[in-house]
Amino acid sequence: MGGVPSSVPCLSEPSFWASADREKVFARLRDHHPVTWHEEPETVWSERGRGYWAVVRHEDIRWVTRDPRRFISGLGTELFDLPVEAARSYSGMLNMDPPEHTRFRTYVNAAFSMRRVKTLAVDIRSTISTILDAAGENRTCDFAKEVADALPTAVTCDLLGVPDADRREIARLSRAAVPLGDPEYGGRDASFRAVDELKDYGKHLRKDRLSAPTDDLLSVLATREIDGQRLDEDEFATFFELLVTAGIETTGASIAHGLVALLEHPAQMTAWRSDPATYATSAVEEILRWSTPIVHFRRTVATEVEIAGTHLTDGDKVVLFYSSGNRDETVFDDPYRFDIGRTPNPHLTFGGGGPHHCLGAHLARLEIRLLFEELFVRFPDIRLAEDPVYMHSMFFNGVKSLPSELTPRSRQRI
């Protein structure tokens, strides 16, 4: 079995993810060692594991993602190992394979179609207006919490029909549930407790929807039948937890990283603000590539296979580093340049295709675009008041704090 070249640190070490050299390490791996074996040391987040193969090139990541027969998700998509039933309970259909995954996804596919998402634009604009009104009252805010996280929290809770009084707690549990690895949020047990609380809350909502259905997505989930079957209580609860965490955390992170990138590249912000129609699509795609909120997901080898000349055997874990694939020099010209006009932009932020392609991709794109378009009108001179505070995690590329100053400008001067 191959090992990690002596010049390359173990990708499982928390110290690696706090290092300023990690992008150089991934570039070296892409060039010379596209598939490498890594140990799993014990951390505050996980027990010592059995090791895994790291896949870092764009081409290889896409190939693995699009072949669910040879690279399965049913044994877990987290890097660390969990019993199969625990993995199902923790991340629901993320840890399923076709045809079971296909059936579960069918319950909500229509709700996230491009046609359906477009109908939400008016409501999302109204939500953005309310959020920016509140953020601008004192002309200072923590943009990460009060805007970037607030928007997908409101949109997701609206879509699911979560009462206003419960949304602050839902947001707190969502943040705690994502396996961050950042010491501030506790270890794996804290994450599992948050997942359990979200699921319990989901069961409570299911009872409400079964007795009095409304027009929200949860009513669809509670009452829809496929082949004569409804989701049972546990399946519904797991679905609810996944929709909450996936809907809130990833979009919020992209928005926060997007603002930092635009402020660090003022010419890009000026271009987008001056010509929103031209950059409406490409700017959002570049923010998604640049931010890559989910750093990696895992698959398990189902049958012997080779990746980039490296032999893998049944049961081996394969970890796909989307963050590295989104900086692949063979795919993206000058990948460390933030360019809102970049086209094409085949980023891997939504998973690179295949059956597990992100269900909420259209909704995330819409939220990001509408938020920045309105921000440019309301606060074109926004600036950072302090340095951003980033999460320390090998799984989630999040922003914990983004103190900002908001200076309104009249619409007539834009």
Protein backbone atom coordinates (compact mmCIF):
# COMPACT_ATOMS: atom_id res chain seq x y z
CA MET A 1 0.00 0.00 0.00
CA GLY A 2 1.37 3.39 -0.94
CA GLY A 3 2.04 6.01 1.67
CA VAL A 4 2.23 9.75 1.89
CA PRO A 5 5.42 11.16 0.34
CA SER A 6 7.77 12.38 3.04
CA SER A 7 7.37 15.96 1.81
CA VAL A 8 3.58 15.90 2.25
CA PRO A 9 1.86 16.21 5.65
CA CYS A 10 -0.99 13.94 6.67
CA LEU A 11 -4.25 15.53 5.52
CA SER A 12 -6.01 14.25 8.65
CA GLU A 13 -3.87 16.28 11.05
CA PRO A 14 -5.75 19.33 12.40
CA SER A 15 -2.48 21.29 12.22
CA PHE A 16 -2.47 20.89 8.44
CA TRP A 17 -5.78 22.72 8.13
CA ALA A 18 -4.47 25.59 10.23
CA SER A 19 -1.41 25.88 7.98
CA ALA A 20 -0.98 28.64 5.41
CA ASP A 21 0.76 26.12 3.13
CA ARG A 22 -2.16 23.78 2.53
CA GLU A 23 -2.93 25.13 -0.95
CA LYS A 24 0.71 24.53 -1.96
CA VAL A 25 0.47 21.00 -0.59
CA PHE A 26 -2.66 20.25 -2.63
CA ALA A 27 -1.04 21.73 -5.74
CA ARG A 28 1.96 19.44 -5.25
CA LEU A 29 -0.32 16.44 -4.77
CA ARG A 30 -2.29 17.26 -7.93
CA ASP A 31 0.92 17.49 -9.93
CA HIS A 32 2.80 14.48 -8.57
CA HIS A 33 0.68 12.33 -6.23
CA PRO A 34 -3.02 12.58 -7.20
CA VAL A 35 -4.00 9.59 -5.03
CA THR A 36 -2.26 9.13 -1.68
CA TRP A 37 -2.86 7.05 1.44
CA HIS A 38 -3.34 8.89 4.73
CA GLU A 39 -3.62 7.71 8.31
CA GLU A 40 -6.45 8.85 10.57
CA PRO A 41 -5.02 9.95 13.92
CA GLU A 42 -7.24 10.35 16.95
CA THR A 43 -8.54 13.92 17.28
CA VAL A 44 -10.97 15.80 19.48
CA TRP A 45 -13.48 15.13 16.74
CA SER A 46 -12.94 11.45 15.95
CA GLU A 47 -11.33 8.24 17.07
CA ARG A 48 -8.31 6.77 15.32
CA GLY A 49 -9.51 5.46 11.96
CA ARG A 50 -8.37 2.86 9.44
CA GLY A 51 -7.02 5.33 6.89
CA TYR A 52 -8.18 6.49 3.48
CA TRP A 53 -7.15 7.39 -0.05
CA ALA A 54 -7.15 11.13 -0.81
CA VAL A 55 -8.29 12.07 -4.33
CA VAL A 56 -7.38 15.64 -5.22
CA ARG A 57 -7.64 16.15 -9.01
CA HIS A 58 -10.78 17.57 -10.62
CA GLU A 59 -10.99 14.84 -13.27
CA ASP A 60 -10.69 12.00 -10.76
CA ILE A 61 -13.17 13.53 -8.30
CA ARG A 62 -15.78 13.88 -11.05
CA TRP A 63 -15.20 10.31 -12.19
CA VAL A 64 -15.63 8.86 -8.69
CA THR A 65 -18.69 10.99 -7.96
CA ARG A 66 -20.41 9.87 -11.16
CA ASP A 67 -19.84 6.14 -10.61
CA PRO A 68 -22.07 5.11 -7.67
CA ARG A 69 -21.71 1.45 -8.60
CA ARG A 70 -17.99 1.25 -7.88
CA PHE A 71 -17.86 4.03 -5.28
CA ILE A 72 -20.72 3.78 -2.83
CA SER A 73 -22.14 6.18 -0.24
CA GLY A 74 -24.15 3.69 1.80
CA LEU A 75 -21.29 2.99 4.23
CA GLY A 76 -20.93 6.66 5.08
CA THR A 77 -19.87 9.91 3.44
CA GLU A 78 -18.07 11.30 6.48
CA LEU A 79 -14.34 10.64 6.63
CA PHE A 80 -14.63 8.84 9.97
CA ASP A 81 -16.41 5.50 10.31
CA LEU A 82 -19.84 5.06 11.84
CA PRO A 83 -22.08 2.00 12.07
CA VAL A 84 -24.27 1.94 8.96
CA GLU A 85 -27.49 2.62 10.86
CA ALA A 86 -25.89 5.53 12.70
CA ALA A 87 -24.66 6.96 9.40
CA ARG A 88 -28.18 6.74 7.96
CA SER A 89 -29.59 8.43 11.04
CA TYR A 90 -26.95 11.14 10.95
CA SER A 91 -27.05 12.26 7.33
CA GLY A 92 -30.02 10.51 5.79
CA MET A 93 -29.97 10.11 2.05
CA LEU A 94 -26.40 11.40 1.80
CA ASN A 95 -25.46 7.96 3.09
CA MET A 96 -27.63 5.97 0.70
CA ASP A 97 -27.12 4.44 -2.73
CA PRO A 98 -29.53 3.93 -5.63
CA PRO A 99 -32.26 2.76 -5.79
CA GLU A 100 -32.98 3.67 -2.16
CA HIS A 101 -31.38 7.08 -2.55
CA THR A 102 -33.38 7.69 -5.72
CA ARG A 103 -36.67 6.98 -3.94
CA PHE A 104 -35.91 9.33 -1.08
CA ARG A 105 -34.78 12.11 -3.38
CA THR A 106 -38.01 11.83 -5.37
CA TYR A 107 -40.02 13.04 -2.37
CA VAL A 108 -38.55 16.54 -2.71
CA ASN A 109 -37.08 16.83 -6.22
CA ALA A 110 -39.94 18.96 -7.54
CA ALA A 111 -39.66 21.44 -4.67
CA PHE A 112 -36.08 22.30 -5.67
CA SER A 113 -36.47 22.36 -9.45
CA MET A 114 -35.34 25.48 -11.27
CA ARG A 115 -38.94 26.30 -12.21
CA ARG A 116 -40.13 26.05 -8.60
CA VAL A 117 -37.15 27.99 -7.21
CA LYS A 118 -37.77 30.89 -9.61
CA THR A 119 -41.20 31.39 -8.06
CA LEU A 120 -39.50 32.08 -4.71
CA ALA A 121 -37.58 35.12 -5.95
CA VAL A 122 -40.12 37.73 -4.82
CA ASP A 123 -40.29 36.34 -1.31
CA ILE A 124 -36.51 36.00 -1.09
CA ARG A 125 -36.06 39.63 -2.16
CA SER A 126 -38.45 40.69 0.59
CA THR A 127 -36.51 38.63 3.13
CA ILE A 128 -33.24 40.19 2.00
CA SER A 129 -34.72 43.67 2.37
CA THR A 130 -35.80 42.92 5.93
CA ILE A 131 -32.38 41.48 6.83
CA LEU A 132 -30.45 44.40 5.37
CA ASP A 133 -32.79 46.89 7.05
CA ALA A 134 -31.98 45.32 10.41
CA ALA A 135 -28.26 45.02 9.70
CA GLY A 136 -28.01 48.64 8.63
CA GLU A 137 -29.74 50.15 11.65
CA ASN A 138 -26.46 50.69 13.52
CA ARG A 139 -24.34 50.89 10.36
CA THR A 140 -22.24 48.03 11.75
CA CYS A 141 -22.97 44.33 11.86
CA ASP A 142 -21.42 40.91 11.93
CA PHE A 143 -22.10 40.16 8.29
CA ALA A 144 -21.46 36.43 8.71
CA LYS A 145 -24.12 36.04 11.38
CA GLU A 146 -26.59 38.84 10.70
CA VAL A 147 -26.69 38.60 6.90
CA ALA A 148 -24.88 35.58 5.42
CA ASP A 149 -26.35 33.07 7.86
CA ALA A 150 -29.60 34.94 8.44
CA LEU A 151 -30.71 34.73 4.80
CA PRO A 152 -30.54 30.94 4.26
CA THR A 153 -31.94 30.43 7.75
CA ALA A 154 -35.01 32.51 6.88
CA VAL A 155 -35.40 31.01 3.39
CA THR A 156 -35.02 27.44 4.62
CA CYS A 157 -37.39 27.94 7.54
CA ASP A 158 -39.95 29.62 5.25
CA LEU A 159 -39.72 26.71 2.83
CA LEU A 160 -40.18 24.19 5.62
CA GLY A 161 -42.79 26.16 7.54
CA VAL A 162 -40.78 26.52 10.77
CA PRO A 163 -42.50 29.02 13.09
CA ASP A 164 -40.70 32.33 13.64
CA ALA A 165 -40.37 31.72 17.38
CA ASP A 166 -38.31 28.58 16.79
CA ARG A 167 -35.90 29.83 14.15
CA ARG A 168 -33.13 31.12 16.40
CA GLU A 169 -32.87 27.72 18.05
CA ILE A 170 -33.01 25.93 14.71
CA ALA A 171 -30.10 28.06 13.50
CA ARG A 172 -28.09 27.26 16.63
CA LEU A 173 -28.68 23.54 16.29
CA SER A 174 -27.86 23.64 12.60
CA ARG A 175 -24.47 25.19 13.29
CA ALA A 176 -23.72 22.68 16.05
CA ALA A 177 -24.85 19.70 13.96
CA VAL A 178 -22.48 20.21 11.05
CA PRO A 179 -19.32 18.18 11.76
CA LEU A 180 -17.05 21.16 11.96
CA GLY A 181 -14.15 19.95 14.07
CA ASP A 182 -13.68 23.48 15.39
CA PRO A 183 -13.10 23.24 19.18
CA GLU A 184 -15.56 26.09 19.75
CA TYR A 185 -18.43 23.83 18.71
CA GLY A 186 -17.46 20.78 20.70
CA GLY A 187 -16.71 17.28 19.46
CA ARG A 188 -18.66 14.61 17.69
CA ASP A 189 -20.93 13.95 20.67
CA ALA A 190 -22.05 17.58 20.69
CA SER A 191 -22.82 17.34 16.99
CA PHE A 192 -24.83 14.16 17.44
CA ARG A 193 -26.84 15.75 20.26
CA ALA A 194 -27.72 18.66 17.99
CA VAL A 195 -28.75 16.24 15.25
CA ASP A 196 -30.99 14.38 17.68
CA GLU A 197 -32.62 17.63 18.81
CA LEU A 198 -33.30 18.66 15.23
CA LYS A 199 -34.79 15.27 14.49
CA ASP A 200 -37.01 15.42 17.58
CA TYR A 201 -38.23 18.83 16.47
CA GLY A 202 -38.88 17.44 12.99
CA LYS A 203 -41.05 14.67 14.46
CA HIS A 204 -43.06 17.32 16.29
CA LEU A 205 -43.64 19.21 13.03
CA ARG A 206 -44.63 16.00 11.25
CA LYS A 207 -47.46 15.43 13.71
CA ASP A 208 -48.70 18.95 13.06
CA ARG A 209 -48.60 18.51 9.28
CA LEU A 210 -50.37 15.17 9.33
CA SER A 211 -53.21 16.62 11.37
CA ALA A 212 -53.36 19.95 9.53
CA PRO A 213 -51.41 20.05 6.24
CA THR A 214 -50.37 23.45 4.88
CA ASP A 215 -48.68 24.51 1.64
CA ASP A 216 -45.10 24.13 2.89
CA LEU A 217 -42.51 21.51 1.97
CA LEU A 218 -42.91 19.62 5.24
CA SER A 219 -46.56 18.97 4.43
CA VAL A 220 -45.45 17.48 1.12
CA LEU A 221 -42.90 15.31 2.90
CA ALA A 222 -45.41 14.17 5.51
CA THR A 223 -48.26 13.30 3.15
CA ARG A 224 -46.72 12.36 -0.20
CA GLU A 225 -46.86 8.71 -1.22
CA ILE A 226 -44.44 7.04 -3.62
CA ASP A 227 -45.35 3.48 -4.63
CA GLY A 228 -47.92 3.59 -1.87
CA GLN A 229 -45.39 4.50 0.79
CA ARG A 230 -45.04 7.58 2.97
CA LEU A 231 -41.92 8.52 4.89
CA ASP A 232 -42.14 7.06 8.38
CA GLU A 233 -41.45 9.18 11.46
CA ASP A 234 -37.71 8.49 11.61
CA GLU A 235 -37.22 8.93 7.87
CA PHE A 236 -39.08 12.23 7.97
CA ALA A 237 -37.04 13.46 10.94
CA THR A 238 -33.74 12.62 9.27
CA PHE A 239 -34.90 14.35 6.09
CA PHE A 240 -35.81 17.45 8.10
CA GLU A 241 -32.40 17.56 9.78
CA LEU A 242 -30.60 17.25 6.45
CA LEU A 243 -32.68 19.93 4.75
CA VAL A 244 -32.04 22.33 7.64
CA THR A 245 -28.29 21.87 7.92
CA ALA A 246 -27.62 21.64 4.18
CA GLY A 247 -29.88 24.59 3.42
CA ILE A 248 -28.42 26.93 6.02
CA GLU A 249 -24.72 26.23 6.49
CA THR A 250 -23.37 25.92 2.97
CA THR A 251 -25.15 28.93 1.47
CA GLY A 252 -24.25 31.10 4.44
CA ALA A 253 -20.59 30.19 4.10
CA SER A 254 -20.56 30.98 0.38
CA ILE A 255 -22.11 34.41 0.97
CA ALA A 256 -19.61 35.28 3.71
CA HIS A 257 -16.61 34.11 1.68
CA GLY A 258 -18.05 35.92 -1.34
CA LEU A 259 -18.07 39.25 0.47
CA VAL A 260 -14.48 38.80 1.64
CA ALA A 261 -13.38 37.94 -1.90
CA LEU A 262 -15.16 40.94 -3.41
CA LEU A 263 -13.68 43.32 -0.85
CA GLU A 264 -10.21 41.91 -1.46
CA HIS A 265 -10.74 42.37 -5.20
CA PRO A 266 -12.51 45.76 -5.44
CA ALA A 267 -12.32 45.87 -9.25
CA GLN A 268 -14.43 42.71 -9.34
CA MET A 269 -17.01 44.23 -7.03
CA THR A 270 -17.15 47.38 -9.12
CA ALA A 271 -17.64 45.37 -12.31
CA TRP A 272 -20.51 43.32 -10.86
CA ARG A 273 -22.16 46.36 -9.27
CA SER A 274 -21.90 48.33 -12.52
CA ASP A 275 -23.22 45.58 -14.79
CA PRO A 276 -25.29 43.07 -12.79
CA ALA A 277 -26.95 41.60 -15.87
CA THR A 278 -23.63 40.56 -17.39
CA TYR A 279 -22.29 38.97 -14.22
CA ALA A 280 -25.53 37.62 -12.73
CA THR A 281 -24.55 34.02 -13.44
CA SER A 282 -20.77 33.94 -13.67
CA ALA A 283 -20.16 35.91 -10.45
CA VAL A 284 -22.25 33.49 -8.41
CA GLU A 285 -20.45 30.49 -9.91
CA GLU A 286 -17.08 32.02 -9.05
CA ILE A 287 -18.16 32.65 -5.46
CA LEU A 288 -19.24 29.02 -5.23
CA ARG A 289 -15.90 27.81 -6.63
CA TRP A 290 -13.89 30.18 -4.47
CA SER A 291 -15.67 29.33 -1.23
CA THR A 292 -16.19 25.54 -1.58
CA PRO A 293 -18.00 25.25 1.79
CA ILE A 294 -17.88 21.44 1.91
CA VAL A 295 -14.20 20.58 1.73
CA HIS A 296 -14.63 16.86 1.16
CA PHE A 297 -16.95 13.89 1.11
CA ARG A 298 -16.12 10.21 1.19
CA ARG A 299 -17.02 7.16 -0.83
CA THR A 300 -16.21 3.48 -0.22
CA VAL A 301 -14.77 1.20 -2.91
CA ALA A 302 -17.27 -1.54 -3.82
CA THR A 303 -15.10 -3.39 -6.30
CA GLU A 304 -11.40 -3.32 -7.10
CA VAL A 305 -10.51 -0.32 -9.21
CA GLU A 306 -7.68 1.99 -10.23
CA ILE A 307 -7.61 5.76 -9.88
CA ALA A 308 -4.76 7.61 -11.59
CA GLY A 309 -2.73 4.38 -11.69
CA THR A 310 -3.25 3.58 -8.01
CA HIS A 311 -4.88 0.26 -7.15
CA LEU A 312 -7.74 0.37 -4.63
CA THR A 313 -9.47 -2.65 -3.16
CA ASP A 314 -12.95 -3.43 -1.81
CA GLY A 315 -13.74 -1.57 1.39
CA ASP A 316 -11.11 1.15 0.97
CA LYS A 317 -12.26 4.63 1.87
CA VAL A 318 -11.88 7.31 -0.79
CA VAL A 319 -12.03 10.96 0.28
CA LEU A 320 -12.78 13.49 -2.46
CA PHE A 321 -11.24 16.88 -1.75
CA TYR A 322 -13.51 19.29 -3.63
CA SER A 323 -11.48 22.24 -2.37
CA SER A 324 -8.46 20.90 -4.23
CA GLY A 325 -10.44 20.06 -7.37
CA ASN A 326 -11.73 23.63 -7.47
CA ARG A 327 -8.13 24.88 -7.70
CA ASP A 328 -7.00 22.40 -10.35
CA GLU A 329 -4.73 24.24 -12.81
CA THR A 330 -5.59 21.85 -15.62
CA VAL A 331 -9.24 22.91 -15.45
CA PHE A 332 -9.22 26.51 -14.20
CA ASP A 333 -6.95 29.11 -15.75
CA ASP A 334 -5.06 30.86 -12.94
CA PRO A 335 -7.22 29.15 -10.28
CA TYR A 336 -6.01 31.36 -7.43
CA ARG A 337 -7.41 34.43 -9.17
CA PHE A 338 -10.91 35.50 -8.13
CA ASP A 339 -12.61 36.29 -11.45
CA ILE A 340 -16.36 36.97 -11.57
CA GLY A 341 -16.29 36.67 -15.36
CA ARG A 342 -14.78 33.19 -15.35
CA THR A 343 -16.44 30.97 -17.96
CA PRO A 344 -16.70 28.10 -18.19
CA ASN A 345 -16.60 27.34 -14.49
CA PRO A 346 -17.14 23.59 -13.93
CA HIS A 347 -16.60 23.79 -10.16
CA LEU A 348 -17.25 20.88 -7.83
CA THR A 349 -18.96 22.82 -5.07
CA PHE A 350 -22.24 20.98 -5.58
CA GLY A 351 -20.51 17.62 -5.82
CA GLY A 352 -19.44 17.25 -9.43
CA GLY A 353 -22.57 15.53 -10.71
CA GLY A 354 -23.87 12.03 -10.17
CA PRO A 355 -26.84 10.95 -8.05
CA HIS A 356 -25.73 13.00 -5.04
CA HIS A 357 -25.52 16.33 -6.87
CA CYS A 358 -26.70 19.00 -4.43
CA LEU A 359 -30.49 19.11 -4.26
CA GLY A 360 -30.57 22.79 -3.32
CA ALA A 361 -28.13 24.07 -5.95
CA HIS A 362 -30.68 26.26 -7.77
CA LEU A 363 -31.92 27.76 -4.52
CA ALA A 364 -28.41 28.52 -3.26
CA ARG A 365 -27.52 30.27 -6.52
CA LEU A 366 -30.65 32.41 -6.34
CA GLU A 367 -30.04 33.44 -2.73
CA ILE A 368 -26.43 34.43 -3.42
CA ARG A 369 -27.28 36.45 -6.53
CA LEU A 370 -30.21 38.34 -5.04
CA LEU A 371 -28.35 39.09 -1.81
CA PHE A 372 -25.36 40.69 -3.51
CA GLU A 373 -27.47 42.60 -6.03
CA GLU A 374 -29.43 44.18 -3.19
CA LEU A 375 -26.31 44.72 -1.08
CA PHE A 376 -24.69 46.70 -3.91
CA VAL A 377 -27.73 48.98 -4.04
CA ARG A 378 -28.10 49.45 -0.29
CA PHE A 379 -24.49 49.46 0.89
CA PRO A 380 -22.09 49.82 -2.05
CA ASP A 381 -19.36 51.09 0.28
CA ILE A 382 -19.49 48.18 2.71
CA ARG A 383 -16.13 47.39 4.25
CA LEU A 384 -14.68 45.11 6.88
CA ALA A 385 -14.30 46.59 10.35
CA GLU A 386 -12.07 43.74 11.56
CA ASP A 387 -10.37 40.70 10.10
CA PRO A 388 -12.66 37.72 9.39
CA VAL A 389 -12.64 34.83 11.85
CA TYR A 390 -12.64 31.50 10.06
CA MET A 391 -13.60 28.05 11.28
CA HIS A 392 -10.85 25.51 11.93
CA SER A 393 -12.08 22.40 10.20
CA MET A 394 -11.05 19.91 7.54
CA PHE A 395 -14.69 19.37 6.59
CA PHE A 396 -16.43 22.73 6.54
CA ASN A 397 -14.99 25.97 5.17
CA GLY A 398 -17.03 28.38 7.26
CA VAL A 399 -16.77 31.94 8.50
CA LYS A 400 -17.54 32.47 12.18
CA SER A 401 -17.42 36.25 12.26
CA LEU A 402 -17.22 39.07 9.72
CA PRO A 403 -17.50 42.49 11.45
CA SER A 404 -18.51 45.02 8.80
CA GLU A 405 -19.37 48.68 8.41
CA LEU A 406 -22.39 49.57 6.30
CA THR A 407 -22.63 53.01 4.70
CA PRO A 408 -25.94 53.56 2.93
CA ARG A 409 -26.07 55.37 -0.37
CA SER A 410 -29.22 56.61 -2.07
CA ARG A 411 -30.42 54.56 -4.99
CA GLN A 412 -30.20 57.64 -7.22
CA ARG A 413 -26.43 57.76 -6.90
CA ILE A 414 -25.86 54.14 -7.89
